[in-house]
Amino acid sequence: MSYQEKMRALERMTGQSQQEIEASIASGERKKKLQRQQRQERQLAQQQAQEAERKRMQAEVEYRVLQAREATIVLPDASVQKPIDKDQSKGGCTNQAALDEAIKNGTLSKQAVCGE
């Protein structure tokens, strides 16, 4: 069936002229094109949002890793590190840093702190 035959059949079925039918078809095509364009724009916006979220999450992970590294880095300082001294008169340990560390670690005992 040729284009003209299809048009005449449509004219008879709809009661519209060939120009009205062609305008209607063109309008439908424009509508479909617009819908397709809007769908593509939504998909692009969604992809960009997902990429931004992925980058945000990656940055957060990197930040937390850096925080964890900073929290665990202990630089030795010779002026702070002293040998554990035993105070024989008190029968205990006078090294406050070792005592604080033992309390923090939950290993508070005379033996753990003073090495007895």
C-alpha atoms as a PDB file:
ATOM      1  CA  MET A   1       0.000   0.000   0.000  1.00  0.00           C
ATOM      2  CA  SER A   2       1.510   3.327  -1.035  1.00  0.00           C
ATOM      3  CA  TYR A   3       1.675   6.461   1.076  1.00  0.00           C
ATOM      4  CA  GLN A   4      -1.162   8.124  -0.900  1.00  0.00           C
ATOM      5  CA  GLU A   5      -3.377   5.046  -0.540  1.00  0.00           C
ATOM      6  CA  LYS A   6      -2.777   5.036   3.215  1.00  0.00           C
ATOM      7  CA  MET A   7      -3.598   8.755   3.386  1.00  0.00           C
ATOM      8  CA  ARG A   8      -6.868   8.329   1.483  1.00  0.00           C
ATOM      9  CA  ALA A   9      -7.813   5.455   3.790  1.00  0.00           C
ATOM     10  CA  LEU A  10      -7.052   7.608   6.837  1.00  0.00           C
ATOM     11  CA  GLU A  11      -9.046  10.513   5.365  1.00  0.00           C
ATOM     12  CA  ARG A  12     -12.061   8.255   4.946  1.00  0.00           C
ATOM     13  CA  MET A  13     -11.705   6.728   8.431  1.00  0.00           C
ATOM     14  CA  THR A  14     -11.130   9.984  10.358  1.00  0.00           C
ATOM     15  CA  GLY A  15     -12.926  12.507   8.227  1.00  0.00           C
ATOM     16  CA  GLN A  16      -9.835  14.719   8.331  1.00  0.00           C
ATOM     17  CA  SER A  17      -7.909  16.184   5.408  1.00  0.00           C
ATOM     18  CA  GLN A  18      -4.438  14.992   4.438  1.00  0.00           C
ATOM     19  CA  GLN A  19      -2.891  18.161   5.910  1.00  0.00           C
ATOM     20  CA  GLU A  20      -4.686  17.620   9.247  1.00  0.00           C
ATOM     21  CA  ILE A  21      -3.548  13.993   9.374  1.00  0.00           C
ATOM     22  CA  GLU A  22       0.059  14.942   8.559  1.00  0.00           C
ATOM     23  CA  ALA A  23      -0.041  17.702  11.187  1.00  0.00           C
ATOM     24  CA  SER A  24      -1.363  15.216  13.733  1.00  0.00           C
ATOM     25  CA  ILE A  25       1.372  12.720  12.839  1.00  0.00           C
ATOM     26  CA  ALA A  26       4.030  15.445  13.077  1.00  0.00           C
ATOM     27  CA  SER A  27       2.613  16.536  16.435  1.00  0.00           C
ATOM     28  CA  GLY A  28       2.794  12.950  17.706  1.00  0.00           C
ATOM     29  CA  GLU A  29       6.354  12.638  16.467  1.00  0.00           C
ATOM     30  CA  ARG A  30       7.313  15.903  18.193  1.00  0.00           C
ATOM     31  CA  LYS A  31       5.680  14.669  21.388  1.00  0.00           C
ATOM     32  CA  LYS A  32       7.567  11.360  21.193  1.00  0.00           C
ATOM     33  CA  LYS A  33      10.819  13.203  20.496  1.00  0.00           C
ATOM     34  CA  LEU A  34      10.231  15.508  23.456  1.00  0.00           C
ATOM     35  CA  GLN A  35       9.423  12.554  25.729  1.00  0.00           C
ATOM     36  CA  ARG A  36      12.550  10.732  24.557  1.00  0.00           C
ATOM     37  CA  GLN A  37      14.645  13.856  25.212  1.00  0.00           C
ATOM     38  CA  GLN A  38      13.138  14.308  28.691  1.00  0.00           C
ATOM     39  CA  ARG A  39      13.759  10.647  29.496  1.00  0.00           C
ATOM     40  CA  GLN A  40      17.401  10.993  28.418  1.00  0.00           C
ATOM     41  CA  GLU A  41      17.780  14.141  30.530  1.00  0.00           C
ATOM     42  CA  ARG A  42      16.329  12.353  33.574  1.00  0.00           C
ATOM     43  CA  GLN A  43      18.674   9.405  33.039  1.00  0.00           C
ATOM     44  CA  LEU A  44      21.659  11.743  32.722  1.00  0.00           C
ATOM     45  CA  ALA A  45      20.653  13.613  35.887  1.00  0.00           C
ATOM     46  CA  GLN A  46      20.268  10.301  37.725  1.00  0.00           C
ATOM     47  CA  GLN A  47      23.692   9.127  36.526  1.00  0.00           C
ATOM     48  CA  GLN A  48      25.261  12.409  37.605  1.00  0.00           C
ATOM     49  CA  ALA A  49      23.599  12.150  41.023  1.00  0.00           C
ATOM     50  CA  GLN A  50      24.839   8.568  41.422  1.00  0.00           C
ATOM     51  CA  GLU A  51      28.354   9.591  40.415  1.00  0.00           C
ATOM     52  CA  ALA A  52      28.290  12.526  42.857  1.00  0.00           C
ATOM     53  CA  GLU A  53      27.107  10.197  45.640  1.00  0.00           C
ATOM     54  CA  ARG A  54      29.823   7.690  44.776  1.00  0.00           C
ATOM     55  CA  LYS A  55      32.467  10.422  44.907  1.00  0.00           C
ATOM     56  CA  ARG A  56      31.069  11.718  48.214  1.00  0.00           C
ATOM     57  CA  MET A  57      31.173   8.234  49.715  1.00  0.00           C
ATOM     58  CA  GLN A  58      34.739   7.705  48.431  1.00  0.00           C
ATOM     59  CA  ALA A  59      35.826  11.022  49.938  1.00  0.00           C
ATOM     60  CA  GLU A  60      34.202  10.085  53.255  1.00  0.00           C
ATOM     61  CA  VAL A  61      35.998   6.729  53.275  1.00  0.00           C
ATOM     62  CA  GLU A  62      39.316   8.405  52.493  1.00  0.00           C
ATOM     63  CA  TYR A  63      38.702  10.974  55.248  1.00  0.00           C
ATOM     64  CA  ARG A  64      37.929   8.249  57.790  1.00  0.00           C
ATOM     65  CA  VAL A  65      41.012   6.283  56.757  1.00  0.00           C
ATOM     66  CA  LEU A  66      43.144   9.386  57.254  1.00  0.00           C
ATOM     67  CA  GLN A  67      41.530  10.005  60.653  1.00  0.00           C
ATOM     68  CA  ALA A  68      42.220   6.408  61.662  1.00  0.00           C
ATOM     69  CA  ARG A  69      45.830   6.685  60.527  1.00  0.00           C
ATOM     70  CA  GLU A  70      46.321   9.929  62.442  1.00  0.00           C
ATOM     71  CA  ALA A  71      44.784   8.383  65.539  1.00  0.00           C
ATOM     72  CA  THR A  72      47.103   5.374  65.435  1.00  0.00           C
ATOM     73  CA  ILE A  73      50.374   7.094  64.580  1.00  0.00           C
ATOM     74  CA  VAL A  74      52.500   7.386  67.706  1.00  0.00           C
ATOM     75  CA  LEU A  75      55.808   9.087  67.292  1.00  0.00           C
ATOM     76  CA  PRO A  76      58.395   8.102  69.891  1.00  0.00           C
ATOM     77  CA  ASP A  77      59.596  10.978  72.025  1.00  0.00           C
ATOM     78  CA  ALA A  78      62.658  10.166  74.118  1.00  0.00           C
ATOM     79  CA  SER A  79      61.844  12.848  76.682  1.00  0.00           C
ATOM     80  CA  VAL A  80      58.493  11.209  77.481  1.00  0.00           C
ATOM     81  CA  GLN A  81      59.676   7.613  77.512  1.00  0.00           C
ATOM     82  CA  LYS A  82      61.213   6.882  80.869  1.00  0.00           C
ATOM     83  CA  PRO A  83      62.102   3.562  82.356  1.00  0.00           C
ATOM     84  CA  ILE A  84      59.612   2.337  84.886  1.00  0.00           C
ATOM     85  CA  ASP A  85      60.889   3.274  88.318  1.00  0.00           C
ATOM     86  CA  LYS A  86      59.886   1.394  91.416  1.00  0.00           C
ATOM     87  CA  ASP A  87      59.405   3.434  94.500  1.00  0.00           C
ATOM     88  CA  GLN A  88      60.554   1.029  97.191  1.00  0.00           C
ATOM     89  CA  SER A  89      59.320   3.200 100.054  1.00  0.00           C
ATOM     90  CA  LYS A  90      55.755   3.165  98.748  1.00  0.00           C
ATOM     91  CA  GLY A  91      55.943  -0.320  97.324  1.00  0.00           C
ATOM     92  CA  GLY A  92      54.534   0.857  94.009  1.00  0.00           C
ATOM     93  CA  CYS A  93      55.383   2.384  90.676  1.00  0.00           C
ATOM     94  CA  THR A  94      56.030   6.077  90.130  1.00  0.00           C
ATOM     95  CA  ASN A  95      55.749   6.102  86.324  1.00  0.00           C
ATOM     96  CA  GLN A  96      52.468   7.967  85.785  1.00  0.00           C
ATOM     97  CA  ALA A  97      52.524   7.477  82.002  1.00  0.00           C
ATOM     98  CA  ALA A  98      52.747   3.697  82.381  1.00  0.00           C
ATOM     99  CA  LEU A  99      49.991   3.776  85.000  1.00  0.00           C
ATOM    100  CA  ASP A 100      47.707   5.840  82.728  1.00  0.00           C
ATOM    101  CA  GLU A 101      48.382   3.509  79.793  1.00  0.00           C
ATOM    102  CA  ALA A 102      47.586   0.457  81.935  1.00  0.00           C
ATOM    103  CA  ILE A 103      44.319   2.045  83.072  1.00  0.00           C
ATOM    104  CA  LYS A 104      43.428   2.875  79.472  1.00  0.00           C
ATOM    105  CA  ASN A 105      44.200  -0.656  78.277  1.00  0.00           C
ATOM    106  CA  GLY A 106      42.328  -2.246  81.158  1.00  0.00           C
ATOM    107  CA  THR A 107      45.445  -4.055  82.402  1.00  0.00           C
ATOM    108  CA  LEU A 108      45.741  -2.224  85.681  1.00  0.00           C
ATOM    109  CA  SER A 109      47.809  -4.328  88.003  1.00  0.00           C
ATOM    110  CA  LYS A 110      51.047  -3.716  89.850  1.00  0.00           C
ATOM    111  CA  GLN A 111      52.737  -6.390  87.816  1.00  0.00           C
ATOM    112  CA  ALA A 112      51.479  -4.967  84.476  1.00  0.00           C
ATOM    113  CA  VAL A 113      52.433  -1.414  85.385  1.00  0.00           C
ATOM    114  CA  CYS A 114      55.702  -1.943  87.203  1.00  0.00           C
ATOM    115  CA  GLY A 115      56.841  -5.190  85.680  1.00  0.00           C
ATOM    116  CA  GLU A 116      57.076  -6.978  89.019  1.00  0.00           C
END
